[in-house]
Amino acid sequence: MTLTERLDYYRKLTEQALEQALTSKNEAYYPSVFKAVRYSALSGGKRLRPALTMEFCRVCGGTPEQALPFAAALEMIHTYSLIHDDLPCMDDDDLRRGRPTNHKVFGEATAVLAGDALLNRAFETVLSPQNTRGLSAETVLRAASCLARASGMDGMIGGQILDMESEGRQISQETLMLLQRHKTGCLMQAAATMGCILAGRGDAATLEAAECYADNLGLAFQIEDDLLDIEGDITKFGKPIGSDAEKGKATFPVLLGIARCRELVRELTDKAVAAAAAFPDHAFLEELAVYLVSRDY
């Protein structure tokens, strides 16, 4: 498969799994939360994190399908974070992926509950015996623990707090790196390491290589995102251009300048490509790293 064919294959698998997971026999009693959940979870997007989970499982000797419940759960957690991130008490955004944000359509209270529902459904999904047949209890617990840690206070939530507390302030490059490694990078790392664990390759050397790849990829991805917030096309980017600057957010271009950001993106991409070489059949991982920092959306 080519890069785009494999990405499309992983995207379709993810969306099928999300469609299945985000239904319930009790939906008729409280349909509004299901409508709100599906509005955001099924609104498209790159499905990058699930793709990483399935690809790392594949290159470690497993199959994408055996990692699919964890890949879908990771996308649920990512989506919940976006719903909450867009709320008036956080970033107060009106657009996400080119559409009105969840709270603009369903109201703030329902948006909060939709985010909460996705977080909980994620763990229902990965801890369901039906979804984890063929995996040992130890493997399931290791992967679920990885997901919980990455999305909690020592992961994404910690990064979000740092982001909020840094608004309107001058912070160091070290603090900004820490912020983004938690807010964005932790879920990327969880995507990669879960894939390895689910394929039965949870040894220290394999996880270290996967974490190195995801850490550098995540930082490069975020810096490119910051650049797109300055130079991007709103019709492709899916949200207002310049919104970070308007809110006084700490970003890499503000701290380092555009030229240095471009250099740093290249350096981080090279490190990700080097880390990918630790895995057999690593062409997709290499191509993905280069593709993500040459995008215009």
C-alpha atoms as a PDB file:
ATOM      1  CA  MET A   1       0.000   0.000   0.000  1.00  0.00           C
ATOM      2  CA  THR A   2       1.047   3.587  -0.559  1.00  0.00           C
ATOM      3  CA  LEU A   3       1.128   6.031   2.354  1.00  0.00           C
ATOM      4  CA  THR A   4      -2.250   7.526   1.469  1.00  0.00           C
ATOM      5  CA  GLU A   5      -3.821   4.115   0.878  1.00  0.00           C
ATOM      6  CA  ARG A   6      -2.677   2.833   4.263  1.00  0.00           C
ATOM      7  CA  LEU A   7      -3.800   6.010   6.028  1.00  0.00           C
ATOM      8  CA  ASP A   8      -7.177   5.695   4.339  1.00  0.00           C
ATOM      9  CA  TYR A   9      -7.412   2.033   5.364  1.00  0.00           C
ATOM     10  CA  TYR A  10      -6.669   2.891   8.999  1.00  0.00           C
ATOM     11  CA  ARG A  11      -9.100   5.815   8.880  1.00  0.00           C
ATOM     12  CA  LYS A  12     -11.919   3.577   7.629  1.00  0.00           C
ATOM     13  CA  LEU A  13     -11.213   0.941  10.280  1.00  0.00           C
ATOM     14  CA  THR A  14     -11.235   3.620  12.977  1.00  0.00           C
ATOM     15  CA  GLU A  15     -14.487   5.163  11.848  1.00  0.00           C
ATOM     16  CA  GLN A  16     -16.202   1.794  11.636  1.00  0.00           C
ATOM     17  CA  ALA A  17     -15.064   1.016  15.185  1.00  0.00           C
ATOM     18  CA  LEU A  18     -16.238   4.419  16.420  1.00  0.00           C
ATOM     19  CA  GLU A  19     -19.648   3.977  14.776  1.00  0.00           C
ATOM     20  CA  GLN A  20     -20.032   0.653  16.542  1.00  0.00           C
ATOM     21  CA  ALA A  21     -18.770   1.839  19.923  1.00  0.00           C
ATOM     22  CA  LEU A  22     -20.853   5.020  20.071  1.00  0.00           C
ATOM     23  CA  THR A  23     -24.257   3.354  20.059  1.00  0.00           C
ATOM     24  CA  SER A  24     -26.358   1.894  22.845  1.00  0.00           C
ATOM     25  CA  LYS A  25     -29.640   0.042  23.280  1.00  0.00           C
ATOM     26  CA  ASN A  26     -30.545   2.805  25.760  1.00  0.00           C
ATOM     27  CA  GLU A  27     -29.941   5.632  23.290  1.00  0.00           C
ATOM     28  CA  ALA A  28     -33.643   6.352  22.812  1.00  0.00           C
ATOM     29  CA  TYR A  29     -33.936   7.453  26.452  1.00  0.00           C
ATOM     30  CA  TYR A  30     -31.277  10.200  26.217  1.00  0.00           C
ATOM     31  CA  PRO A  31     -30.466  10.720  22.537  1.00  0.00           C
ATOM     32  CA  SER A  32     -28.946  14.206  22.874  1.00  0.00           C
ATOM     33  CA  VAL A  33     -25.664  12.984  24.336  1.00  0.00           C
ATOM     34  CA  PHE A  34     -25.253  10.384  21.581  1.00  0.00           C
ATOM     35  CA  LYS A  35     -25.934  13.016  18.928  1.00  0.00           C
ATOM     36  CA  ALA A  36     -23.350  15.314  20.504  1.00  0.00           C
ATOM     37  CA  VAL A  37     -20.770  12.537  20.850  1.00  0.00           C
ATOM     38  CA  ARG A  38     -21.165  11.376  17.259  1.00  0.00           C
ATOM     39  CA  TYR A  39     -21.175  14.961  15.946  1.00  0.00           C
ATOM     40  CA  SER A  40     -17.571  15.406  17.086  1.00  0.00           C
ATOM     41  CA  ALA A  41     -16.227  11.851  16.972  1.00  0.00           C
ATOM     42  CA  LEU A  42     -17.437  11.211  13.419  1.00  0.00           C
ATOM     43  CA  SER A  43     -16.595  14.624  11.971  1.00  0.00           C
ATOM     44  CA  GLY A  44     -13.559  13.447  10.040  1.00  0.00           C
ATOM     45  CA  GLY A  45     -10.012  14.397  10.858  1.00  0.00           C
ATOM     46  CA  LYS A  46      -6.694  12.742  10.084  1.00  0.00           C
ATOM     47  CA  ARG A  47      -7.140   9.827  12.566  1.00  0.00           C
ATOM     48  CA  LEU A  48      -3.396  10.057  13.060  1.00  0.00           C
ATOM     49  CA  ARG A  49      -3.221   8.589  16.547  1.00  0.00           C
ATOM     50  CA  PRO A  50      -5.225   5.442  15.732  1.00  0.00           C
ATOM     51  CA  ALA A  51      -3.129   5.002  12.593  1.00  0.00           C
ATOM     52  CA  LEU A  52       0.035   5.028  14.711  1.00  0.00           C
ATOM     53  CA  THR A  53      -1.388   2.434  17.109  1.00  0.00           C
ATOM     54  CA  MET A  54      -2.343   0.075  14.300  1.00  0.00           C
ATOM     55  CA  GLU A  55       0.877   0.610  12.361  1.00  0.00           C
ATOM     56  CA  PHE A  56       3.148  -0.014  15.357  1.00  0.00           C
ATOM     57  CA  CYS A  57       1.185  -3.167  16.116  1.00  0.00           C
ATOM     58  CA  ARG A  58       1.658  -4.267  12.503  1.00  0.00           C
ATOM     59  CA  VAL A  59       5.422  -3.581  12.325  1.00  0.00           C
ATOM     60  CA  CYS A  60       5.879  -5.404  15.642  1.00  0.00           C
ATOM     61  CA  GLY A  61       4.307  -8.578  14.268  1.00  0.00           C
ATOM     62  CA  GLY A  62       0.644  -8.105  15.144  1.00  0.00           C
ATOM     63  CA  THR A  63      -2.315  -7.083  12.998  1.00  0.00           C
ATOM     64  CA  PRO A  64      -4.016  -3.678  12.791  1.00  0.00           C
ATOM     65  CA  GLU A  65      -7.320  -5.312  13.718  1.00  0.00           C
ATOM     66  CA  GLN A  66      -6.090  -6.600  17.083  1.00  0.00           C
ATOM     67  CA  ALA A  67      -5.092  -3.039  18.017  1.00  0.00           C
ATOM     68  CA  LEU A  68      -8.299  -1.481  16.664  1.00  0.00           C
ATOM     69  CA  PRO A  69     -10.283  -1.227  19.950  1.00  0.00           C
ATOM     70  CA  PHE A  70      -7.361   0.621  21.555  1.00  0.00           C
ATOM     71  CA  ALA A  71      -6.901   2.797  18.459  1.00  0.00           C
ATOM     72  CA  ALA A  72     -10.586   3.780  18.525  1.00  0.00           C
ATOM     73  CA  ALA A  73     -10.432   4.431  22.276  1.00  0.00           C
ATOM     74  CA  LEU A  74      -7.463   6.736  21.773  1.00  0.00           C
ATOM     75  CA  GLU A  75      -9.412   8.682  19.155  1.00  0.00           C
ATOM     76  CA  MET A  76     -12.331   8.993  21.596  1.00  0.00           C
ATOM     77  CA  ILE A  77     -10.007  10.507  24.187  1.00  0.00           C
ATOM     78  CA  HIS A  78      -8.483  12.864  21.631  1.00  0.00           C
ATOM     79  CA  THR A  79     -11.992  13.952  20.568  1.00  0.00           C
ATOM     80  CA  TYR A  80     -13.125  14.498  24.154  1.00  0.00           C
ATOM     81  CA  SER A  81     -10.093  16.728  24.708  1.00  0.00           C
ATOM     82  CA  LEU A  82     -10.994  18.820  21.652  1.00  0.00           C
ATOM     83  CA  ILE A  83     -14.610  19.258  22.791  1.00  0.00           C
ATOM     84  CA  HIS A  84     -13.461  20.482  26.196  1.00  0.00           C
ATOM     85  CA  ASP A  85     -10.617  22.548  24.716  1.00  0.00           C
ATOM     86  CA  ASP A  86     -13.147  24.493  22.605  1.00  0.00           C
ATOM     87  CA  LEU A  87     -15.414  25.411  25.545  1.00  0.00           C
ATOM     88  CA  PRO A  88     -15.822  29.081  26.562  1.00  0.00           C
ATOM     89  CA  CYS A  89     -14.007  28.396  29.849  1.00  0.00           C
ATOM     90  CA  MET A  90     -10.986  27.114  27.898  1.00  0.00           C
ATOM     91  CA  ASP A  91     -10.161  28.360  24.368  1.00  0.00           C
ATOM     92  CA  ASP A  92     -13.680  29.546  23.476  1.00  0.00           C
ATOM     93  CA  ASP A  93     -13.466  28.447  19.844  1.00  0.00           C
ATOM     94  CA  ASP A  94     -16.355  28.591  17.387  1.00  0.00           C
ATOM     95  CA  LEU A  95     -14.969  26.303  14.674  1.00  0.00           C
ATOM     96  CA  ARG A  96     -13.417  22.834  14.678  1.00  0.00           C
ATOM     97  CA  ARG A  97     -12.679  20.882  11.483  1.00  0.00           C
ATOM     98  CA  GLY A  98     -14.568  23.517   9.513  1.00  0.00           C
ATOM     99  CA  ARG A  99     -17.799  23.125  11.490  1.00  0.00           C
ATOM    100  CA  PRO A 100     -19.299  24.848  14.544  1.00  0.00           C
ATOM    101  CA  THR A 101     -17.787  23.483  17.742  1.00  0.00           C
ATOM    102  CA  ASN A 102     -19.780  21.051  19.870  1.00  0.00           C
ATOM    103  CA  HIS A 103     -20.961  23.574  22.452  1.00  0.00           C
ATOM    104  CA  LYS A 104     -22.140  25.937  19.708  1.00  0.00           C
ATOM    105  CA  VAL A 105     -24.480  23.237  18.417  1.00  0.00           C
ATOM    106  CA  PHE A 106     -25.561  21.409  21.589  1.00  0.00           C
ATOM    107  CA  GLY A 107     -24.888  23.891  24.410  1.00  0.00           C
ATOM    108  CA  GLU A 108     -22.119  23.967  26.980  1.00  0.00           C
ATOM    109  CA  ALA A 109     -23.607  21.474  29.426  1.00  0.00           C
ATOM    110  CA  THR A 110     -24.194  18.800  26.801  1.00  0.00           C
ATOM    111  CA  ALA A 111     -20.718  19.410  25.350  1.00  0.00           C
ATOM    112  CA  VAL A 112     -19.130  18.832  28.767  1.00  0.00           C
ATOM    113  CA  LEU A 113     -21.102  15.615  29.179  1.00  0.00           C
ATOM    114  CA  ALA A 114     -20.276  14.507  25.616  1.00  0.00           C
ATOM    115  CA  GLY A 115     -16.576  14.854  26.437  1.00  0.00           C
ATOM    116  CA  ASP A 116     -17.039  12.929  29.683  1.00  0.00           C
ATOM    117  CA  ALA A 117     -18.981  10.241  27.823  1.00  0.00           C
ATOM    118  CA  LEU A 118     -16.197   9.762  25.277  1.00  0.00           C
ATOM    119  CA  LEU A 119     -13.545   9.450  27.982  1.00  0.00           C
ATOM    120  CA  ASN A 120     -15.524   6.781  29.784  1.00  0.00           C
ATOM    121  CA  ARG A 121     -16.549   4.954  26.612  1.00  0.00           C
ATOM    122  CA  ALA A 122     -12.877   4.739  25.677  1.00  0.00           C
ATOM    123  CA  PHE A 123     -12.115   2.667  28.761  1.00  0.00           C
ATOM    124  CA  GLU A 124     -15.293   0.631  28.414  1.00  0.00           C
ATOM    125  CA  THR A 125     -14.041  -0.243  24.929  1.00  0.00           C
ATOM    126  CA  VAL A 126     -10.533  -1.352  25.869  1.00  0.00           C
ATOM    127  CA  LEU A 127     -11.676  -3.258  28.952  1.00  0.00           C
ATOM    128  CA  SER A 128     -14.465  -5.145  27.212  1.00  0.00           C
ATOM    129  CA  PRO A 129     -13.761  -8.920  27.032  1.00  0.00           C
ATOM    130  CA  GLN A 130     -15.495  -8.979  23.663  1.00  0.00           C
ATOM    131  CA  ASN A 131     -12.994  -6.467  22.246  1.00  0.00           C
ATOM    132  CA  THR A 132      -9.871  -8.032  23.709  1.00  0.00           C
ATOM    133  CA  ARG A 133     -10.268 -11.703  22.819  1.00  0.00           C
ATOM    134  CA  GLY A 134      -6.897 -13.280  22.130  1.00  0.00           C
ATOM    135  CA  LEU A 135      -4.998 -10.807  24.318  1.00  0.00           C
ATOM    136  CA  SER A 136      -3.685 -11.747  27.737  1.00  0.00           C
ATOM    137  CA  ALA A 137      -4.993  -9.897  30.783  1.00  0.00           C
ATOM    138  CA  GLU A 138      -1.492  -8.520  31.386  1.00  0.00           C
ATOM    139  CA  THR A 139      -1.308  -7.124  27.844  1.00  0.00           C
ATOM    140  CA  VAL A 140      -4.717  -5.456  28.143  1.00  0.00           C
ATOM    141  CA  LEU A 141      -3.842  -3.920  31.508  1.00  0.00           C
ATOM    142  CA  ARG A 142      -0.454  -2.661  30.293  1.00  0.00           C
ATOM    143  CA  ALA A 143      -1.995  -1.025  27.241  1.00  0.00           C
ATOM    144  CA  ALA A 144      -4.938   0.437  29.193  1.00  0.00           C
ATOM    145  CA  SER A 145      -2.586   1.775  31.855  1.00  0.00           C
ATOM    146  CA  CYS A 146      -0.508   3.432  29.149  1.00  0.00           C
ATOM    147  CA  LEU A 147      -3.636   5.105  27.769  1.00  0.00           C
ATOM    148  CA  ALA A 148      -4.828   6.265  31.197  1.00  0.00           C
ATOM    149  CA  ARG A 149      -1.454   7.737  32.134  1.00  0.00           C
ATOM    150  CA  ALA A 150      -1.111   9.591  28.816  1.00  0.00           C
ATOM    151  CA  SER A 151      -4.553  11.182  29.128  1.00  0.00           C
ATOM    152  CA  GLY A 152      -4.296  12.086  32.827  1.00  0.00           C
ATOM    153  CA  MET A 153      -2.588  14.627  35.058  1.00  0.00           C
ATOM    154  CA  ASP A 154       0.901  13.430  34.164  1.00  0.00           C
ATOM    155  CA  GLY A 155      -0.002  13.580  30.483  1.00  0.00           C
ATOM    156  CA  MET A 156      -2.490  15.535  28.385  1.00  0.00           C
ATOM    157  CA  ILE A 157      -4.284  17.234  31.276  1.00  0.00           C
ATOM    158  CA  GLY A 158      -0.995  18.404  32.747  1.00  0.00           C
ATOM    159  CA  GLY A 159      -0.131  19.912  29.373  1.00  0.00           C
ATOM    160  CA  GLN A 160      -3.507  21.622  29.130  1.00  0.00           C
ATOM    161  CA  ILE A 161      -3.029  23.207  32.550  1.00  0.00           C
ATOM    162  CA  LEU A 162       0.416  24.478  31.521  1.00  0.00           C
ATOM    163  CA  ASP A 163      -1.120  25.856  28.327  1.00  0.00           C
ATOM    164  CA  MET A 164      -3.790  27.766  30.215  1.00  0.00           C
ATOM    165  CA  GLU A 165      -1.363  29.117  32.792  1.00  0.00           C
ATOM    166  CA  SER A 166       1.051  30.262  30.065  1.00  0.00           C
ATOM    167  CA  GLU A 167      -1.446  32.473  28.242  1.00  0.00           C
ATOM    168  CA  GLY A 168      -0.285  36.080  28.109  1.00  0.00           C
ATOM    169  CA  ARG A 169       3.041  35.210  29.721  1.00  0.00           C
ATOM    170  CA  GLN A 170       6.582  34.885  28.410  1.00  0.00           C
ATOM    171  CA  ILE A 171       7.795  31.337  28.995  1.00  0.00           C
ATOM    172  CA  SER A 172      11.053  29.572  28.216  1.00  0.00           C
ATOM    173  CA  GLN A 173      11.626  27.145  25.364  1.00  0.00           C
ATOM    174  CA  GLU A 174      12.060  24.400  27.962  1.00  0.00           C
ATOM    175  CA  THR A 175       8.620  25.129  29.455  1.00  0.00           C
ATOM    176  CA  LEU A 176       7.003  25.260  26.013  1.00  0.00           C
ATOM    177  CA  MET A 177       8.596  21.914  25.103  1.00  0.00           C
ATOM    178  CA  LEU A 178       7.274  20.421  28.356  1.00  0.00           C
ATOM    179  CA  LEU A 179       3.819  21.868  27.687  1.00  0.00           C
ATOM    180  CA  GLN A 180       3.582  20.423  24.189  1.00  0.00           C
ATOM    181  CA  ARG A 181       5.181  17.091  25.087  1.00  0.00           C
ATOM    182  CA  HIS A 182       2.323  16.650  27.543  1.00  0.00           C
ATOM    183  CA  LYS A 183      -0.597  18.290  25.752  1.00  0.00           C
ATOM    184  CA  THR A 184       0.078  16.765  22.321  1.00  0.00           C
ATOM    185  CA  GLY A 185       2.993  14.379  22.657  1.00  0.00           C
ATOM    186  CA  CYS A 186       1.698  12.081  25.383  1.00  0.00           C
ATOM    187  CA  LEU A 187      -1.180  10.751  23.288  1.00  0.00           C
ATOM    188  CA  MET A 188       1.199  10.292  20.349  1.00  0.00           C
ATOM    189  CA  GLN A 189       3.541   8.285  22.570  1.00  0.00           C
ATOM    190  CA  ALA A 190       0.636   6.233  23.910  1.00  0.00           C
ATOM    191  CA  ALA A 191      -0.448   5.493  20.338  1.00  0.00           C
ATOM    192  CA  ALA A 192       2.977   4.107  19.449  1.00  0.00           C
ATOM    193  CA  THR A 193       3.710   2.195  22.639  1.00  0.00           C
ATOM    194  CA  MET A 194       0.241   0.633  22.858  1.00  0.00           C
ATOM    195  CA  GLY A 195       0.718  -0.760  19.367  1.00  0.00           C
ATOM    196  CA  CYS A 196       3.977  -2.418  20.418  1.00  0.00           C
ATOM    197  CA  ILE A 197       2.490  -3.802  23.633  1.00  0.00           C
ATOM    198  CA  LEU A 198      -0.570  -5.198  21.850  1.00  0.00           C
ATOM    199  CA  ALA A 199       1.686  -7.043  19.389  1.00  0.00           C
ATOM    200  CA  GLY A 200       3.585  -8.640  22.290  1.00  0.00           C
ATOM    201  CA  ARG A 201       6.657  -6.414  21.883  1.00  0.00           C
ATOM    202  CA  GLY A 202       6.620  -4.582  25.198  1.00  0.00           C
ATOM    203  CA  ASP A 203      10.347  -4.870  25.936  1.00  0.00           C
ATOM    204  CA  ALA A 204      12.253  -1.763  26.996  1.00  0.00           C
ATOM    205  CA  ALA A 205      14.266  -1.323  23.788  1.00  0.00           C
ATOM    206  CA  THR A 206      11.205  -1.530  21.527  1.00  0.00           C
ATOM    207  CA  LEU A 207       9.182   0.879  23.659  1.00  0.00           C
ATOM    208  CA  GLU A 208      12.087   3.317  23.831  1.00  0.00           C
ATOM    209  CA  ALA A 209      12.368   3.402  20.027  1.00  0.00           C
ATOM    210  CA  ALA A 210       8.597   3.841  19.677  1.00  0.00           C
ATOM    211  CA  GLU A 211       8.556   6.653  22.256  1.00  0.00           C
ATOM    212  CA  CYS A 212      11.482   8.383  20.525  1.00  0.00           C
ATOM    213  CA  TYR A 213       9.678   8.273  17.191  1.00  0.00           C
ATOM    214  CA  ALA A 214       6.391   9.541  18.636  1.00  0.00           C
ATOM    215  CA  ASP A 215       8.011  12.223  20.805  1.00  0.00           C
ATOM    216  CA  ASN A 216       9.879  13.781  17.877  1.00  0.00           C
ATOM    217  CA  LEU A 217       6.938  13.345  15.518  1.00  0.00           C
ATOM    218  CA  GLY A 218       4.569  14.947  18.041  1.00  0.00           C
ATOM    219  CA  LEU A 219       6.793  17.995  18.568  1.00  0.00           C
ATOM    220  CA  ALA A 220       7.364  18.461  14.834  1.00  0.00           C
ATOM    221  CA  PHE A 221       3.609  18.114  14.262  1.00  0.00           C
ATOM    222  CA  GLN A 222       2.834  20.747  16.907  1.00  0.00           C
ATOM    223  CA  ILE A 223       5.390  23.245  15.600  1.00  0.00           C
ATOM    224  CA  GLU A 224       3.962  22.800  12.105  1.00  0.00           C
ATOM    225  CA  ASP A 225       0.489  23.353  13.597  1.00  0.00           C
ATOM    226  CA  ASP A 226       1.699  26.603  15.177  1.00  0.00           C
ATOM    227  CA  LEU A 227       3.092  27.703  11.815  1.00  0.00           C
ATOM    228  CA  LEU A 228      -0.196  26.867  10.091  1.00  0.00           C
ATOM    229  CA  ASP A 229      -2.004  29.040  12.645  1.00  0.00           C
ATOM    230  CA  ILE A 230      -0.023  31.938  11.170  1.00  0.00           C
ATOM    231  CA  GLU A 231       0.223  30.976   7.512  1.00  0.00           C
ATOM    232  CA  GLY A 232      -2.512  28.399   6.915  1.00  0.00           C
ATOM    233  CA  ASP A 233      -5.666  28.495   4.816  1.00  0.00           C
ATOM    234  CA  ILE A 234      -8.807  28.536   6.991  1.00  0.00           C
ATOM    235  CA  THR A 235     -10.702  26.439   4.406  1.00  0.00           C
ATOM    236  CA  LYS A 236      -8.126  23.666   4.865  1.00  0.00           C
ATOM    237  CA  PHE A 237      -7.066  24.256   8.480  1.00  0.00           C
ATOM    238  CA  GLY A 238     -10.665  24.038   9.733  1.00  0.00           C
ATOM    239  CA  LYS A 239     -10.380  26.774  12.369  1.00  0.00           C
ATOM    240  CA  PRO A 240      -9.636  30.511  12.410  1.00  0.00           C
ATOM    241  CA  ILE A 241      -6.103  31.520  11.409  1.00  0.00           C
ATOM    242  CA  GLY A 242      -4.285  33.598  14.029  1.00  0.00           C
ATOM    243  CA  SER A 243      -6.446  32.460  16.938  1.00  0.00           C
ATOM    244  CA  ASP A 244      -3.430  31.480  19.066  1.00  0.00           C
ATOM    245  CA  ALA A 245      -1.914  34.955  18.809  1.00  0.00           C
ATOM    246  CA  GLU A 246      -5.240  36.624  19.631  1.00  0.00           C
ATOM    247  CA  LYS A 247      -5.468  34.612  22.850  1.00  0.00           C
ATOM    248  CA  GLY A 248      -1.867  35.304  23.870  1.00  0.00           C
ATOM    249  CA  LYS A 249      -0.973  31.622  23.692  1.00  0.00           C
ATOM    250  CA  ALA A 250       2.616  30.460  23.986  1.00  0.00           C
ATOM    251  CA  THR A 251       3.651  29.101  20.590  1.00  0.00           C
ATOM    252  CA  PHE A 252       6.923  28.102  18.970  1.00  0.00           C
ATOM    253  CA  PRO A 253       6.902  30.831  16.263  1.00  0.00           C
ATOM    254  CA  VAL A 254       6.375  33.530  18.897  1.00  0.00           C
ATOM    255  CA  LEU A 255       9.225  32.194  21.012  1.00  0.00           C
ATOM    256  CA  LEU A 256      11.695  31.085  18.333  1.00  0.00           C
ATOM    257  CA  GLY A 257      10.695  32.838  15.121  1.00  0.00           C
ATOM    258  CA  ILE A 258       9.494  31.228  11.901  1.00  0.00           C
ATOM    259  CA  ALA A 259      12.941  30.464  10.451  1.00  0.00           C
ATOM    260  CA  ARG A 260      14.120  28.590  13.556  1.00  0.00           C
ATOM    261  CA  CYS A 261      10.810  26.731  13.719  1.00  0.00           C
ATOM    262  CA  ARG A 262      11.328  25.421  10.214  1.00  0.00           C
ATOM    263  CA  GLU A 263      14.846  24.259  11.128  1.00  0.00           C
ATOM    264  CA  LEU A 264      13.536  22.570  14.277  1.00  0.00           C
ATOM    265  CA  VAL A 265      10.799  20.781  12.341  1.00  0.00           C
ATOM    266  CA  ARG A 266      13.463  19.330  10.020  1.00  0.00           C
ATOM    267  CA  GLU A 267      15.683  18.278  12.958  1.00  0.00           C
ATOM    268  CA  LEU A 268      12.817  16.583  14.795  1.00  0.00           C
ATOM    269  CA  THR A 269      11.607  14.855  11.630  1.00  0.00           C
ATOM    270  CA  ASP A 270      15.098  13.486  11.020  1.00  0.00           C
ATOM    271  CA  LYS A 271      15.170  12.107  14.580  1.00  0.00           C
ATOM    272  CA  ALA A 272      11.771  10.453  14.096  1.00  0.00           C
ATOM    273  CA  VAL A 273      12.932   8.864  10.839  1.00  0.00           C
ATOM    274  CA  ALA A 274      16.091   7.579  12.556  1.00  0.00           C
ATOM    275  CA  ALA A 275      14.014   6.049  15.388  1.00  0.00           C
ATOM    276  CA  ALA A 276      11.712   4.328  12.878  1.00  0.00           C
ATOM    277  CA  ALA A 277      14.694   2.392  11.523  1.00  0.00           C
ATOM    278  CA  ALA A 278      14.598   0.219  14.653  1.00  0.00           C
ATOM    279  CA  PHE A 279      11.470  -1.481  13.269  1.00  0.00           C
ATOM    280  CA  PRO A 280      11.177  -3.901  10.351  1.00  0.00           C
ATOM    281  CA  ASP A 281       9.149  -2.648   7.389  1.00  0.00           C
ATOM    282  CA  HIS A 282       9.436   0.943   8.595  1.00  0.00           C
ATOM    283  CA  ALA A 283       8.870   2.720   5.263  1.00  0.00           C
ATOM    284  CA  PHE A 284       5.374   3.904   6.235  1.00  0.00           C
ATOM    285  CA  LEU A 285       6.621   5.419   9.508  1.00  0.00           C
ATOM    286  CA  GLU A 286       9.367   7.287   7.666  1.00  0.00           C
ATOM    287  CA  GLU A 287       7.017   8.552   4.968  1.00  0.00           C
ATOM    288  CA  LEU A 288       4.439   9.594   7.562  1.00  0.00           C
ATOM    289  CA  ALA A 289       6.954  11.717   9.467  1.00  0.00           C
ATOM    290  CA  VAL A 290       7.893  13.599   6.298  1.00  0.00           C
ATOM    291  CA  TYR A 291       4.288  13.876   5.107  1.00  0.00           C
ATOM    292  CA  LEU A 292       2.988  15.400   8.339  1.00  0.00           C
ATOM    293  CA  VAL A 293       5.425  18.309   8.293  1.00  0.00           C
ATOM    294  CA  SER A 294       4.773  19.130   4.641  1.00  0.00           C
ATOM    295  CA  ARG A 295       0.989  19.396   5.006  1.00  0.00           C
ATOM    296  CA  ASP A 296      -0.956  22.627   4.493  1.00  0.00           C
ATOM    297  CA  TYR A 297      -3.877  21.808   6.828  1.00  0.00           C
END
